[in-house]
C-alpha atoms as a PDB file:
ATOM      1  CA  MET A   1     -39.501  -6.406 -15.975  1.00  0.00           C
ATOM      2  CA  LYS A   2     -36.748  -8.988 -16.461  1.00  0.00           C
ATOM      3  CA  ARG A   3     -34.554  -6.404 -18.180  1.00  0.00           C
ATOM      4  CA  ILE A   4     -34.901  -4.030 -15.275  1.00  0.00           C
ATOM      5  CA  CYS A   5     -33.878  -6.770 -12.825  1.00  0.00           C
ATOM      6  CA  VAL A   6     -30.876  -7.743 -14.954  1.00  0.00           C
ATOM      7  CA  TRP A   7     -29.738  -4.114 -15.257  1.00  0.00           C
ATOM      8  CA  PHE A   8     -30.168  -3.609 -11.527  1.00  0.00           C
ATOM      9  CA  VAL A   9     -28.035  -6.673 -10.754  1.00  0.00           C
ATOM     10  CA  LEU A  10     -25.318  -5.582 -13.204  1.00  0.00           C
ATOM     11  CA  LEU A  11     -25.330  -2.033 -11.885  1.00  0.00           C
ATOM     12  CA  THR A  12     -25.108  -3.237  -8.286  1.00  0.00           C
ATOM     13  CA  ALA A  13     -22.233  -5.615  -9.094  1.00  0.00           C
ATOM     14  CA  ALA A  14     -20.333  -2.939 -11.025  1.00  0.00           C
ATOM     15  CA  SER A  15     -20.716  -0.342  -8.292  1.00  0.00           C
ATOM     16  CA  GLY A  16     -19.603  -2.877  -5.663  1.00  0.00           C
ATOM     17  CA  PHE A  17     -16.466  -3.643  -7.674  1.00  0.00           C
ATOM     18  CA  ALA A  18     -15.706   0.050  -8.190  1.00  0.00           C
ATOM     19  CA  GLN A  19     -16.091   0.743  -4.477  1.00  0.00           C
ATOM     20  CA  SER A  20     -13.410  -1.773  -3.566  1.00  0.00           C
ATOM     21  CA  TYR A  21     -10.806   0.667  -4.910  1.00  0.00           C
ATOM     22  CA  LYS A  22      -9.990   3.550  -2.579  1.00  0.00           C
ATOM     23  CA  THR A  23      -8.287   6.860  -3.088  1.00  0.00           C
ATOM     24  CA  CYS A  24      -4.704   6.390  -1.911  1.00  0.00           C
ATOM     25  CA  ASP A  25      -1.845   8.858  -1.514  1.00  0.00           C
ATOM     26  CA  VAL A  26       1.677   8.322  -2.817  1.00  0.00           C
ATOM     27  CA  THR A  27       3.762   9.823  -0.027  1.00  0.00           C
ATOM     28  CA  MET A  28       7.254   9.241  -1.450  1.00  0.00           C
ATOM     29  CA  TRP A  29       9.452   6.970  -3.575  1.00  0.00           C
ATOM     30  CA  THR A  30      13.033   5.784  -3.399  1.00  0.00           C
ATOM     31  CA  ASN A  31      15.608   3.628  -5.191  1.00  0.00           C
ATOM     32  CA  GLU A  32      16.762   0.745  -3.042  1.00  0.00           C
ATOM     33  CA  THR A  33      17.110  -3.006  -3.005  1.00  0.00           C
ATOM     34  CA  TYR A  34      14.612  -4.785  -0.794  1.00  0.00           C
ATOM     35  CA  SER A  35      14.984  -8.128   0.965  1.00  0.00           C
ATOM     36  CA  HIS A  36      12.759 -10.075  -1.452  1.00  0.00           C
ATOM     37  CA  THR A  37      15.373  -9.814  -4.210  1.00  0.00           C
ATOM     38  CA  SER A  38      18.829 -11.268  -4.449  1.00  0.00           C
ATOM     39  CA  SER A  39      21.805  -9.103  -3.546  1.00  0.00           C
ATOM     40  CA  SER A  40      22.877  -9.095  -7.195  1.00  0.00           C
ATOM     41  CA  ALA A  41      19.565  -7.587  -8.375  1.00  0.00           C
ATOM     42  CA  PRO A  42      19.634  -3.980  -9.555  1.00  0.00           C
ATOM     43  CA  LYS A  43      18.082  -1.347  -7.345  1.00  0.00           C
ATOM     44  CA  ASP A  44      14.321  -1.216  -7.556  1.00  0.00           C
ATOM     45  CA  ILE A  45      12.039   1.762  -7.226  1.00  0.00           C
ATOM     46  CA  LEU A  46       9.886   1.541  -4.126  1.00  0.00           C
ATOM     47  CA  TYR A  47       6.802   3.640  -3.480  1.00  0.00           C
ATOM     48  CA  PHE A  48       5.286   4.538  -0.134  1.00  0.00           C
ATOM     49  CA  VAL A  49       1.502   4.637  -0.351  1.00  0.00           C
ATOM     50  CA  ARG A  50      -1.023   5.587   2.338  1.00  0.00           C
ATOM     51  CA  VAL A  51      -4.345   3.742   2.214  1.00  0.00           C
ATOM     52  CA  GLY A  52      -6.678   5.172   4.809  1.00  0.00           C
ATOM     53  CA  ARG A  53      -4.690   5.040   8.052  1.00  0.00           C
ATOM     54  CA  MET A  54      -2.154   2.423   6.880  1.00  0.00           C
ATOM     55  CA  ASN A  55       1.184   3.015   5.159  1.00  0.00           C
ATOM     56  CA  TYR A  56       2.501   0.503   2.623  1.00  0.00           C
ATOM     57  CA  GLU A  57       5.862   0.179   0.918  1.00  0.00           C
ATOM     58  CA  ILE A  58       5.358  -1.346  -2.531  1.00  0.00           C
ATOM     59  CA  ALA A  59       7.600  -2.413  -5.395  1.00  0.00           C
ATOM     60  CA  ARG A  60       7.171  -0.579  -8.673  1.00  0.00           C
ATOM     61  CA  PRO A  61       4.283  -2.290 -10.506  1.00  0.00           C
ATOM     62  CA  GLY A  62       6.048  -2.190 -13.874  1.00  0.00           C
ATOM     63  CA  PRO A  63       8.790  -0.360 -15.776  1.00  0.00           C
ATOM     64  CA  GLU A  64       6.304   1.930 -17.511  1.00  0.00           C
ATOM     65  CA  VAL A  65       4.569   2.943 -14.264  1.00  0.00           C
ATOM     66  CA  GLU A  66       5.692   6.168 -12.630  1.00  0.00           C
ATOM     67  CA  MET A  67       4.083   7.792  -9.623  1.00  0.00           C
ATOM     68  CA  ASN A  68       5.037  11.018  -7.873  1.00  0.00           C
ATOM     69  CA  SER A  69       4.966  12.123  -4.250  1.00  0.00           C
ATOM     70  CA  GLY A  70       1.634  13.777  -3.504  1.00  0.00           C
ATOM     71  CA  GLN A  71      -0.162  11.958  -6.315  1.00  0.00           C
ATOM     72  CA  GLN A  72      -3.521  10.363  -5.571  1.00  0.00           C
ATOM     73  CA  ILE A  73      -4.220   6.947  -7.062  1.00  0.00           C
ATOM     74  CA  ARG A  74      -7.040   4.375  -6.944  1.00  0.00           C
ATOM     75  CA  CYS A  75      -5.907   1.178  -5.232  1.00  0.00           C
ATOM     76  CA  ARG A  76      -6.925  -1.826  -3.177  1.00  0.00           C
ATOM     77  CA  VAL A  77      -4.928  -4.299  -1.070  1.00  0.00           C
ATOM     78  CA  SER A  78      -5.361  -8.067  -1.297  1.00  0.00           C
ATOM     79  CA  ASN A  79      -3.181 -11.107  -0.465  1.00  0.00           C
ATOM     80  CA  GLY A  80       0.129  -9.262  -0.161  1.00  0.00           C
ATOM     81  CA  TYR A  81      -0.358  -7.140  -3.270  1.00  0.00           C
ATOM     82  CA  MET A  82      -1.616  -3.672  -4.044  1.00  0.00           C
ATOM     83  CA  PHE A  83      -3.748  -3.380  -7.161  1.00  0.00           C
ATOM     84  CA  ILE A  84      -3.545   0.058  -8.765  1.00  0.00           C
ATOM     85  CA  ARG A  85      -6.136   1.256 -11.290  1.00  0.00           C
ATOM     86  CA  ASP A  86      -4.904   3.901 -13.724  1.00  0.00           C
ATOM     87  CA  SER A  87      -6.949   6.588 -15.479  1.00  0.00           C
ATOM     88  CA  LYS A  88      -7.591   4.242 -18.432  1.00  0.00           C
ATOM     89  CA  GLY A  89      -9.052   1.553 -16.161  1.00  0.00           C
ATOM     90  CA  GLN A  90      -6.079  -0.796 -16.435  1.00  0.00           C
ATOM     91  CA  VAL A  91      -5.007  -2.519 -13.225  1.00  0.00           C
ATOM     92  CA  ARG A  92      -1.367  -2.980 -12.207  1.00  0.00           C
ATOM     93  CA  LYS A  93      -0.262  -5.410  -9.503  1.00  0.00           C
ATOM     94  CA  ALA A  94       2.475  -4.309  -7.083  1.00  0.00           C
ATOM     95  CA  GLN A  95       4.063  -6.483  -4.414  1.00  0.00           C
ATOM     96  CA  ILE A  96       3.768  -5.114  -0.880  1.00  0.00           C
ATOM     97  CA  VAL A  97       7.275  -5.052   0.565  1.00  0.00           C
ATOM     98  CA  ASP A  98       6.370  -3.729   4.020  1.00  0.00           C
ATOM     99  CA  THR A  99       3.300  -2.664   5.955  1.00  0.00           C
ATOM    100  CA  GLY A 100       3.867   0.137   8.411  1.00  0.00           C
ATOM    101  CA  GLN A 101       2.075   0.976  11.634  1.00  0.00           C
ATOM    102  CA  PRO A 102      -1.378   2.571  11.454  1.00  0.00           C
ATOM    103  CA  ILE A 103      -1.382   6.360  11.597  1.00  0.00           C
ATOM    104  CA  GLN A 104      -2.557   7.563  15.012  1.00  0.00           C
ATOM    105  CA  ASN A 105      -4.976  10.488  15.264  1.00  0.00           C
END
């Protein structure tokens, strides 16, 4: 009986963690310098990602990370960052540069 309870708790915790990531849409990307860097910094790649009804502009989460317009990703937003889970289960942290207005229906 104890094993069943332990498995239930673990399963519930794991499913709760997995649900915190949502399916998000990469709407576009661009090369530009954003205000959080110095003027002498090289141009950074910025991605525009839609999470539900909100649009976010994020910095590239790492040099090896590439996303394309129209691509769907798994992500969550917390404390000024977007956490992106790849197909291998690894999580990348991207700084949110700008939050746009909610999409109106």
